[in-house]
Amino acid sequence: MMNQGKTLSKEQCPKTLVKRGRMSGIPYALAIGSVMLCTRPDVSFALSVTSHFQRDLVECHWTAVISILKYLGRTKDEILDYGGIIV
């Protein structure tokens, strides 16, 4: 999912309009929204962290969302089993 030990913070957000404009074409909010529609408990924390940066994102935020999407793709056929309750 997200790289272990990778920290996302507001300090990473762009400080200038030029830097902010560079990421303006990235479909970040669309990706977050798509994942929210099918969120599984095993991705909810990572999704929560990445959703804080929809307005001021930089490449590491986008990379984290891509990691979540790749994880979902790799694990789409797996299920979570909570002692007889399948999620």
N, C-alpha and C. Protein backbone atom coordinates (compact mmCIF):
# COMPACT_ATOMS: atom_id res chain seq x y z
N MET A 1 0.86 -1.17 0.00
CA MET A 1 0.00 0.00 0.00
C MET A 1 0.89 1.22 0.00
N MET A 2 0.83 2.06 1.01
CA MET A 2 1.77 3.17 1.09
C MET A 2 3.10 2.61 1.57
N ASN A 3 4.18 3.20 1.13
CA ASN A 3 5.49 2.72 1.56
C ASN A 3 5.65 2.88 3.05
N GLN A 4 6.08 1.81 3.70
CA GLN A 4 6.27 1.85 5.14
C GLN A 4 7.36 2.85 5.47
N GLY A 5 7.12 3.66 6.46
CA GLY A 5 8.08 4.66 6.87
C GLY A 5 7.98 5.96 6.08
N LYS A 6 7.13 5.99 5.06
CA LYS A 6 6.95 7.20 4.25
C LYS A 6 6.00 8.13 4.98
N THR A 7 6.41 9.35 5.20
CA THR A 7 5.60 10.31 5.92
C THR A 7 5.07 11.37 4.96
N LEU A 8 3.79 11.64 5.07
CA LEU A 8 3.17 12.72 4.29
C LEU A 8 2.80 13.83 5.26
N SER A 9 3.12 15.07 4.91
CA SER A 9 2.82 16.17 5.82
C SER A 9 2.49 17.44 5.04
N LYS A 10 1.91 18.39 5.74
CA LYS A 10 1.56 19.68 5.15
C LYS A 10 2.82 20.46 4.75
N GLU A 11 3.95 20.20 5.41
CA GLU A 11 5.19 20.89 5.07
C GLU A 11 5.64 20.57 3.65
N GLN A 12 5.19 19.44 3.10
CA GLN A 12 5.55 19.05 1.75
C GLN A 12 4.72 19.78 0.69
N CYS A 13 3.65 20.41 1.10
CA CYS A 13 2.75 21.06 0.15
C CYS A 13 3.45 22.22 -0.55
N PRO A 14 3.05 22.50 -1.79
CA PRO A 14 3.70 23.56 -2.56
C PRO A 14 3.51 24.93 -1.92
N LYS A 15 4.55 25.74 -2.00
CA LYS A 15 4.50 27.08 -1.39
C LYS A 15 4.26 28.18 -2.42
N THR A 16 4.39 27.87 -3.71
CA THR A 16 4.20 28.89 -4.74
C THR A 16 3.11 28.47 -5.71
N LEU A 17 2.57 29.44 -6.42
CA LEU A 17 1.54 29.16 -7.42
C LEU A 17 2.10 28.32 -8.57
N VAL A 18 3.35 28.52 -8.91
CA VAL A 18 3.96 27.75 -9.99
C VAL A 18 4.02 26.27 -9.62
N LYS A 19 4.47 25.98 -8.41
CA LYS A 19 4.55 24.59 -7.95
C LYS A 19 3.16 23.99 -7.82
N ARG A 20 2.22 24.77 -7.36
CA ARG A 20 0.84 24.29 -7.22
C ARG A 20 0.24 23.99 -8.59
N GLY A 21 0.54 24.83 -9.57
CA GLY A 21 0.02 24.65 -10.92
C GLY A 21 0.59 23.40 -11.59
N ARG A 22 1.81 23.03 -11.23
CA ARG A 22 2.44 21.85 -11.81
C ARG A 22 1.65 20.58 -11.52
N MET A 23 0.99 20.50 -10.40
CA MET A 23 0.23 19.32 -10.02
C MET A 23 -1.26 19.47 -10.31
N SER A 24 -1.66 20.58 -10.90
CA SER A 24 -3.09 20.85 -11.10
C SER A 24 -3.77 19.88 -12.06
N GLY A 25 -3.03 19.27 -12.97
CA GLY A 25 -3.63 18.33 -13.92
C GLY A 25 -3.74 16.91 -13.40
N ILE A 26 -3.25 16.66 -12.21
CA ILE A 26 -3.28 15.32 -11.63
C ILE A 26 -4.69 15.03 -11.10
N PRO A 27 -5.28 13.89 -11.46
CA PRO A 27 -6.65 13.56 -11.01
C PRO A 27 -6.68 13.00 -9.58
N TYR A 28 -6.05 13.73 -8.67
CA TYR A 28 -5.89 13.28 -7.28
C TYR A 28 -7.25 13.08 -6.59
N ALA A 29 -8.09 14.09 -6.63
CA ALA A 29 -9.40 14.00 -5.96
C ALA A 29 -10.25 12.89 -6.56
N LEU A 30 -10.17 12.71 -7.87
CA LEU A 30 -10.91 11.64 -8.53
C LEU A 30 -10.43 10.27 -8.04
N ALA A 31 -9.13 10.12 -7.92
CA ALA A 31 -8.57 8.85 -7.44
C ALA A 31 -8.99 8.57 -5.99
N ILE A 32 -8.90 9.59 -5.14
CA ILE A 32 -9.32 9.43 -3.73
C ILE A 32 -10.80 9.07 -3.68
N GLY A 33 -11.62 9.77 -4.43
CA GLY A 33 -13.06 9.50 -4.45
C GLY A 33 -13.38 8.10 -4.93
N SER A 34 -12.65 7.63 -5.93
CA SER A 34 -12.87 6.28 -6.46
C SER A 34 -12.56 5.23 -5.41
N VAL A 35 -11.48 5.45 -4.69
CA VAL A 35 -11.09 4.49 -3.65
C VAL A 35 -12.09 4.53 -2.50
N MET A 36 -12.61 5.71 -2.17
CA MET A 36 -13.59 5.83 -1.09
C MET A 36 -14.85 5.02 -1.38
N LEU A 37 -15.21 4.90 -2.65
CA LEU A 37 -16.42 4.15 -3.01
C LEU A 37 -16.29 2.67 -2.68
N CYS A 38 -15.10 2.16 -2.69
CA CYS A 38 -14.92 0.73 -2.46
C CYS A 38 -13.93 0.45 -1.35
N THR A 39 -13.84 1.35 -0.38
CA THR A 39 -12.83 1.22 0.66
C THR A 39 -13.02 -0.03 1.48
N ARG A 40 -11.91 -0.69 1.64
CA ARG A 40 -11.85 -1.87 2.49
C ARG A 40 -11.17 -1.44 3.79
N PRO A 41 -11.45 -2.13 4.87
CA PRO A 41 -10.83 -1.75 6.14
C PRO A 41 -9.31 -1.73 6.10
N ASP A 42 -8.70 -2.54 5.24
CA ASP A 42 -7.25 -2.59 5.20
C ASP A 42 -6.61 -1.39 4.49
N VAL A 43 -7.40 -0.53 3.86
CA VAL A 43 -6.85 0.65 3.21
C VAL A 43 -7.39 1.95 3.80
N SER A 44 -8.25 1.87 4.78
CA SER A 44 -8.92 3.07 5.29
C SER A 44 -7.95 4.08 5.89
N PHE A 45 -6.92 3.63 6.61
CA PHE A 45 -5.98 4.58 7.21
C PHE A 45 -5.19 5.30 6.13
N ALA A 46 -4.64 4.55 5.18
CA ALA A 46 -3.86 5.16 4.10
C ALA A 46 -4.71 6.15 3.31
N LEU A 47 -5.95 5.80 3.07
CA LEU A 47 -6.86 6.69 2.36
C LEU A 47 -7.12 7.95 3.16
N SER A 48 -7.30 7.80 4.46
CA SER A 48 -7.54 8.95 5.32
C SER A 48 -6.35 9.91 5.28
N VAL A 49 -5.14 9.38 5.35
CA VAL A 49 -3.94 10.22 5.33
C VAL A 49 -3.84 10.97 4.00
N THR A 50 -4.00 10.26 2.90
CA THR A 50 -3.83 10.90 1.60
C THR A 50 -4.93 11.91 1.28
N SER A 51 -6.11 11.72 1.83
CA SER A 51 -7.22 12.63 1.51
C SER A 51 -6.99 14.04 2.06
N HIS A 52 -6.08 14.20 3.00
CA HIS A 52 -5.80 15.53 3.57
C HIS A 52 -5.08 16.46 2.60
N PHE A 53 -4.56 15.92 1.51
CA PHE A 53 -3.71 16.71 0.62
C PHE A 53 -4.35 16.99 -0.73
N GLN A 54 -5.66 16.91 -0.83
CA GLN A 54 -6.33 17.11 -2.11
C GLN A 54 -6.11 18.51 -2.67
N ARG A 55 -5.95 19.47 -1.82
CA ARG A 55 -5.82 20.85 -2.29
C ARG A 55 -4.38 21.25 -2.60
N ASP A 56 -3.45 20.81 -1.79
CA ASP A 56 -2.05 21.19 -1.94
C ASP A 56 -1.17 19.95 -2.03
N LEU A 57 -1.22 19.27 -3.15
CA LEU A 57 -0.45 18.05 -3.26
C LEU A 57 0.87 18.25 -3.98
N VAL A 58 1.79 17.38 -3.69
CA VAL A 58 3.06 17.30 -4.42
C VAL A 58 3.20 15.86 -4.89
N GLU A 59 4.27 15.58 -5.62
CA GLU A 59 4.41 14.27 -6.24
C GLU A 59 4.39 13.12 -5.24
N CYS A 60 4.95 13.30 -4.05
CA CYS A 60 4.95 12.18 -3.09
C CYS A 60 3.54 11.83 -2.63
N HIS A 61 2.63 12.82 -2.59
CA HIS A 61 1.24 12.53 -2.24
C HIS A 61 0.59 11.70 -3.34
N TRP A 62 0.83 12.08 -4.60
CA TRP A 62 0.28 11.36 -5.73
C TRP A 62 0.86 9.95 -5.78
N THR A 63 2.14 9.80 -5.50
CA THR A 63 2.78 8.48 -5.48
C THR A 63 2.14 7.59 -4.42
N ALA A 64 1.77 8.16 -3.29
CA ALA A 64 1.12 7.39 -2.23
C ALA A 64 -0.25 6.88 -2.70
N VAL A 65 -1.01 7.73 -3.40
CA VAL A 65 -2.32 7.31 -3.91
C VAL A 65 -2.14 6.21 -4.95
N ILE A 66 -1.15 6.34 -5.81
CA ILE A 66 -0.89 5.30 -6.82
C ILE A 66 -0.55 3.99 -6.13
N SER A 67 0.21 4.06 -5.03
CA SER A 67 0.55 2.85 -4.28
C SER A 67 -0.70 2.17 -3.74
N ILE A 68 -1.64 2.96 -3.25
CA ILE A 68 -2.91 2.41 -2.75
C ILE A 68 -3.66 1.71 -3.88
N LEU A 69 -3.74 2.37 -5.04
CA LEU A 69 -4.44 1.78 -6.18
C LEU A 69 -3.77 0.49 -6.65
N LYS A 70 -2.45 0.47 -6.66
CA LYS A 70 -1.73 -0.75 -7.04
C LYS A 70 -1.99 -1.87 -6.03
N TYR A 71 -1.99 -1.52 -4.76
CA TYR A 71 -2.28 -2.51 -3.71
C TYR A 71 -3.68 -3.10 -3.90
N LEU A 72 -4.65 -2.25 -4.17
CA LEU A 72 -6.01 -2.73 -4.40
C LEU A 72 -6.07 -3.65 -5.61
N GLY A 73 -5.33 -3.31 -6.64
CA GLY A 73 -5.30 -4.15 -7.83
C GLY A 73 -4.68 -5.52 -7.56
N ARG A 74 -3.60 -5.52 -6.77
CA ARG A 74 -2.93 -6.79 -6.45
C ARG A 74 -3.75 -7.67 -5.52
N THR A 75 -4.59 -7.07 -4.70
CA THR A 75 -5.30 -7.84 -3.67
C THR A 75 -6.80 -7.92 -3.94
N LYS A 76 -7.23 -7.65 -5.16
CA LYS A 76 -8.68 -7.61 -5.45
C LYS A 76 -9.38 -8.94 -5.24
N ASP A 77 -8.65 -10.04 -5.33
CA ASP A 77 -9.27 -11.35 -5.17
C ASP A 77 -9.15 -11.89 -3.74
N GLU A 78 -8.56 -11.11 -2.86
CA GLU A 78 -8.41 -11.53 -1.47
C GLU A 78 -9.57 -10.99 -0.64
N ILE A 79 -9.86 -11.67 0.46
CA ILE A 79 -10.93 -11.22 1.35
C ILE A 79 -10.39 -11.13 2.77
N LEU A 80 -11.06 -10.37 3.60
CA LEU A 80 -10.75 -10.32 5.01
C LEU A 80 -11.76 -11.18 5.74
N ASP A 81 -11.28 -12.02 6.63
CA ASP A 81 -12.14 -12.92 7.37
C ASP A 81 -11.97 -12.65 8.85
N TYR A 82 -12.99 -12.12 9.48
CA TYR A 82 -12.96 -11.83 10.91
C TYR A 82 -13.68 -12.93 11.68
N GLY A 83 -13.09 -14.11 11.73
CA GLY A 83 -13.66 -15.23 12.48
C GLY A 83 -15.04 -15.61 12.01
N GLY A 84 -15.21 -15.81 10.72
CA GLY A 84 -16.50 -16.23 10.19
C GLY A 84 -17.28 -15.14 9.52
N ILE A 85 -16.92 -13.88 9.79
CA ILE A 85 -17.56 -12.73 9.14
C ILE A 85 -16.65 -12.30 8.00
N ILE A 86 -17.10 -12.47 6.78
CA ILE A 86 -16.28 -12.12 5.62
C ILE A 86 -16.61 -10.73 5.17
N VAL A 87 -15.55 -9.92 5.00
CA VAL A 87 -15.71 -8.54 4.57
C VAL A 87 -15.22 -8.42 3.15
